[in-house]
Amino acid sequence: MSILCLVDDKQVPLYRVMWVAATPHFCGEEDCLREGYYEVRLEQGESVWANQQERDQMIAKLEAWQGGEEIPEDDDWE
């Protein structure tokens, strides 16, 4: 199992993830580029922004990694 998960165009190491947002970002600012995306908070105050599919994939990989379950290596996970 890879310890990396693709979010946007970045390979994020699972061990750097602090939390994953349950709801999409909404701030109401007219020029906001992140509305509708889910925040994936990383250590040291960094964040990456995921669409719903990437968010769900990140959660699945984190659960499998934490639980020690093997995730099949196929194209659906990358």
N, C-alpha and C. Protein backbone atom coordinates (compact mmCIF):
# COMPACT_ATOMS: atom_id res chain seq x y z
N MET A 1 0.85 -1.19 0.00
CA MET A 1 0.00 0.00 0.00
C MET A 1 0.88 1.24 0.00
N SER A 2 0.54 2.18 -0.84
CA SER A 2 1.28 3.43 -0.89
C SER A 2 0.85 4.32 0.27
N ILE A 3 1.79 5.07 0.82
CA ILE A 3 1.45 6.03 1.88
C ILE A 3 1.16 7.41 1.29
N LEU A 4 1.02 7.48 -0.03
CA LEU A 4 0.73 8.73 -0.71
C LEU A 4 -0.69 8.71 -1.26
N CYS A 5 -1.33 9.88 -1.27
CA CYS A 5 -2.66 10.03 -1.84
C CYS A 5 -2.66 11.29 -2.71
N LEU A 6 -3.17 11.17 -3.92
CA LEU A 6 -3.19 12.30 -4.84
C LEU A 6 -4.34 13.24 -4.50
N VAL A 7 -4.00 14.50 -4.23
CA VAL A 7 -4.99 15.55 -3.99
C VAL A 7 -4.61 16.72 -4.89
N ASP A 8 -5.54 17.10 -5.75
CA ASP A 8 -5.28 18.11 -6.77
C ASP A 8 -4.15 17.57 -7.64
N ASP A 9 -3.00 18.19 -7.63
CA ASP A 9 -1.87 17.68 -8.40
C ASP A 9 -0.70 17.31 -7.49
N LYS A 10 -1.03 17.04 -6.22
CA LYS A 10 0.01 16.78 -5.22
C LYS A 10 -0.11 15.38 -4.63
N GLN A 11 1.02 14.71 -4.47
CA GLN A 11 1.06 13.43 -3.77
C GLN A 11 1.28 13.76 -2.29
N VAL A 12 0.25 13.55 -1.48
CA VAL A 12 0.30 13.92 -0.06
C VAL A 12 0.60 12.67 0.77
N PRO A 13 1.65 12.72 1.60
CA PRO A 13 1.92 11.59 2.49
C PRO A 13 0.84 11.50 3.57
N LEU A 14 0.27 10.32 3.77
CA LEU A 14 -0.81 10.15 4.74
C LEU A 14 -0.41 10.58 6.14
N TYR A 15 0.85 10.38 6.52
CA TYR A 15 1.29 10.72 7.87
C TYR A 15 1.33 12.22 8.13
N ARG A 16 1.21 13.05 7.10
CA ARG A 16 1.19 14.50 7.29
C ARG A 16 -0.22 15.05 7.52
N VAL A 17 -1.27 14.24 7.29
CA VAL A 17 -2.65 14.71 7.38
C VAL A 17 -3.09 14.80 8.85
N MET A 18 -3.57 15.98 9.24
CA MET A 18 -4.09 16.20 10.59
C MET A 18 -5.59 15.94 10.64
N TRP A 19 -6.32 16.46 9.64
CA TRP A 19 -7.76 16.23 9.54
C TRP A 19 -8.24 16.52 8.13
N VAL A 20 -9.45 16.02 7.85
CA VAL A 20 -10.10 16.21 6.54
C VAL A 20 -11.49 16.79 6.81
N ALA A 21 -11.82 17.87 6.13
CA ALA A 21 -13.11 18.54 6.34
C ALA A 21 -14.27 17.63 5.95
N ALA A 22 -15.33 17.69 6.76
CA ALA A 22 -16.54 16.92 6.48
C ALA A 22 -17.49 17.67 5.55
N THR A 23 -17.37 18.98 5.52
CA THR A 23 -18.24 19.79 4.66
C THR A 23 -17.38 20.66 3.73
N PRO A 24 -17.90 20.99 2.57
CA PRO A 24 -17.13 21.83 1.65
C PRO A 24 -16.98 23.25 2.19
N HIS A 25 -15.92 23.89 1.77
CA HIS A 25 -15.62 25.26 2.18
C HIS A 25 -16.66 26.23 1.62
N PHE A 26 -17.08 27.15 2.45
CA PHE A 26 -17.95 28.24 2.02
C PHE A 26 -17.64 29.45 2.88
N CYS A 27 -17.18 30.53 2.25
CA CYS A 27 -16.88 31.74 3.01
C CYS A 27 -17.72 32.93 2.52
N GLY A 28 -18.32 32.79 1.35
CA GLY A 28 -19.17 33.86 0.84
C GLY A 28 -18.42 34.98 0.13
N GLU A 29 -17.10 34.91 0.12
CA GLU A 29 -16.32 35.94 -0.57
C GLU A 29 -16.50 35.78 -2.08
N GLU A 30 -16.68 36.88 -2.75
CA GLU A 30 -16.93 36.86 -4.19
C GLU A 30 -15.77 36.28 -4.99
N ASP A 31 -14.55 36.50 -4.55
CA ASP A 31 -13.38 36.06 -5.30
C ASP A 31 -12.75 34.78 -4.74
N CYS A 32 -13.46 34.06 -3.89
CA CYS A 32 -12.93 32.83 -3.29
C CYS A 32 -12.80 31.74 -4.35
N LEU A 33 -11.63 31.13 -4.39
CA LEU A 33 -11.37 30.06 -5.35
C LEU A 33 -11.56 28.68 -4.74
N ARG A 34 -11.85 28.61 -3.45
CA ARG A 34 -11.91 27.33 -2.74
C ARG A 34 -13.32 26.88 -2.38
N GLU A 35 -14.33 27.67 -2.71
CA GLU A 35 -15.70 27.28 -2.38
C GLU A 35 -16.06 25.98 -3.06
N GLY A 36 -16.67 25.08 -2.29
CA GLY A 36 -17.06 23.79 -2.81
C GLY A 36 -15.99 22.72 -2.69
N TYR A 37 -14.79 23.11 -2.29
CA TYR A 37 -13.71 22.14 -2.10
C TYR A 37 -13.56 21.81 -0.62
N TYR A 38 -12.98 20.67 -0.33
CA TYR A 38 -12.79 20.20 1.03
C TYR A 38 -11.34 20.44 1.45
N GLU A 39 -11.17 20.99 2.64
CA GLU A 39 -9.82 21.25 3.14
C GLU A 39 -9.23 19.97 3.73
N VAL A 40 -8.02 19.69 3.35
CA VAL A 40 -7.24 18.62 3.96
C VAL A 40 -6.10 19.32 4.68
N ARG A 41 -6.20 19.36 6.01
CA ARG A 41 -5.21 20.09 6.81
C ARG A 41 -4.00 19.21 7.05
N LEU A 42 -2.84 19.79 6.77
CA LEU A 42 -1.58 19.10 6.98
C LEU A 42 -0.87 19.68 8.18
N GLU A 43 0.16 19.00 8.63
CA GLU A 43 0.94 19.51 9.75
C GLU A 43 1.54 20.86 9.39
N GLN A 44 1.93 21.61 10.40
CA GLN A 44 2.55 22.92 10.27
C GLN A 44 1.64 23.95 9.60
N GLY A 45 0.32 23.78 9.75
CA GLY A 45 -0.64 24.77 9.28
C GLY A 45 -0.86 24.82 7.78
N GLU A 46 -0.34 23.87 7.05
CA GLU A 46 -0.53 23.84 5.61
C GLU A 46 -1.85 23.14 5.28
N SER A 47 -2.40 23.44 4.11
CA SER A 47 -3.63 22.80 3.64
C SER A 47 -3.52 22.52 2.15
N VAL A 48 -4.23 21.49 1.74
CA VAL A 48 -4.48 21.26 0.32
C VAL A 48 -5.99 21.16 0.18
N TRP A 49 -6.48 21.38 -1.04
CA TRP A 49 -7.92 21.44 -1.27
C TRP A 49 -8.32 20.33 -2.22
N ALA A 50 -9.30 19.55 -1.81
CA ALA A 50 -9.71 18.36 -2.55
C ALA A 50 -11.15 18.48 -3.04
N ASN A 51 -11.40 17.89 -4.21
CA ASN A 51 -12.80 17.76 -4.62
C ASN A 51 -13.40 16.58 -3.83
N GLN A 52 -14.67 16.30 -4.01
CA GLN A 52 -15.31 15.27 -3.19
C GLN A 52 -14.70 13.89 -3.41
N GLN A 53 -14.38 13.55 -4.64
CA GLN A 53 -13.79 12.24 -4.93
C GLN A 53 -12.42 12.11 -4.25
N GLU A 54 -11.59 13.15 -4.34
CA GLU A 54 -10.28 13.12 -3.71
C GLU A 54 -10.40 13.04 -2.20
N ARG A 55 -11.39 13.75 -1.64
CA ARG A 55 -11.62 13.72 -0.19
C ARG A 55 -12.01 12.32 0.25
N ASP A 56 -12.94 11.70 -0.45
CA ASP A 56 -13.38 10.35 -0.11
C ASP A 56 -12.24 9.35 -0.23
N GLN A 57 -11.42 9.52 -1.25
CA GLN A 57 -10.26 8.66 -1.45
C GLN A 57 -9.27 8.83 -0.30
N MET A 58 -9.04 10.07 0.13
CA MET A 58 -8.13 10.33 1.24
C MET A 58 -8.63 9.67 2.52
N ILE A 59 -9.91 9.80 2.81
CA ILE A 59 -10.48 9.19 4.01
C ILE A 59 -10.35 7.66 3.96
N ALA A 60 -10.64 7.07 2.82
CA ALA A 60 -10.53 5.62 2.68
C ALA A 60 -9.09 5.15 2.89
N LYS A 61 -8.15 5.88 2.31
CA LYS A 61 -6.74 5.50 2.47
C LYS A 61 -6.28 5.68 3.92
N LEU A 62 -6.72 6.76 4.57
CA LEU A 62 -6.35 6.98 5.98
C LEU A 62 -6.91 5.86 6.86
N GLU A 63 -8.17 5.49 6.64
CA GLU A 63 -8.78 4.42 7.43
C GLU A 63 -8.05 3.10 7.23
N ALA A 64 -7.72 2.78 5.99
CA ALA A 64 -7.01 1.54 5.71
C ALA A 64 -5.60 1.56 6.29
N TRP A 65 -4.93 2.69 6.19
CA TRP A 65 -3.57 2.83 6.70
C TRP A 65 -3.56 2.71 8.22
N GLN A 66 -4.48 3.37 8.87
CA GLN A 66 -4.56 3.32 10.33
C GLN A 66 -4.96 1.93 10.82
N GLY A 67 -5.88 1.31 10.11
CA GLY A 67 -6.37 0.00 10.52
C GLY A 67 -5.49 -1.15 10.08
N GLY A 68 -4.49 -0.85 9.28
CA GLY A 68 -3.59 -1.88 8.82
C GLY A 68 -4.15 -2.74 7.72
N GLU A 69 -5.28 -2.35 7.12
CA GLU A 69 -5.87 -3.12 6.03
C GLU A 69 -5.13 -2.83 4.74
N GLU A 70 -5.01 -3.83 3.91
CA GLU A 70 -4.38 -3.66 2.61
C GLU A 70 -5.37 -3.08 1.61
N ILE A 71 -4.93 -2.11 0.84
CA ILE A 71 -5.72 -1.54 -0.24
C ILE A 71 -5.18 -2.10 -1.53
N PRO A 72 -6.04 -2.65 -2.39
CA PRO A 72 -5.54 -3.19 -3.66
C PRO A 72 -4.88 -2.10 -4.48
N GLU A 73 -3.77 -2.42 -5.08
CA GLU A 73 -3.07 -1.47 -5.94
C GLU A 73 -3.69 -1.52 -7.33
N ASP A 74 -4.51 -0.54 -7.65
CA ASP A 74 -5.06 -0.43 -8.99
C ASP A 74 -5.26 1.03 -9.35
N ASP A 75 -5.65 1.31 -10.56
CA ASP A 75 -5.75 2.67 -11.04
C ASP A 75 -6.84 3.48 -10.37
N ASP A 76 -7.82 2.83 -9.75
CA ASP A 76 -8.91 3.56 -9.09
C ASP A 76 -8.43 4.35 -7.89
N TRP A 77 -7.32 3.98 -7.31
CA TRP A 77 -6.82 4.63 -6.09
C TRP A 77 -5.83 5.74 -6.38
N GLU A 78 -5.50 5.95 -7.61
CA GLU A 78 -4.51 6.98 -7.90
C GLU A 78 -5.03 7.99 -8.87
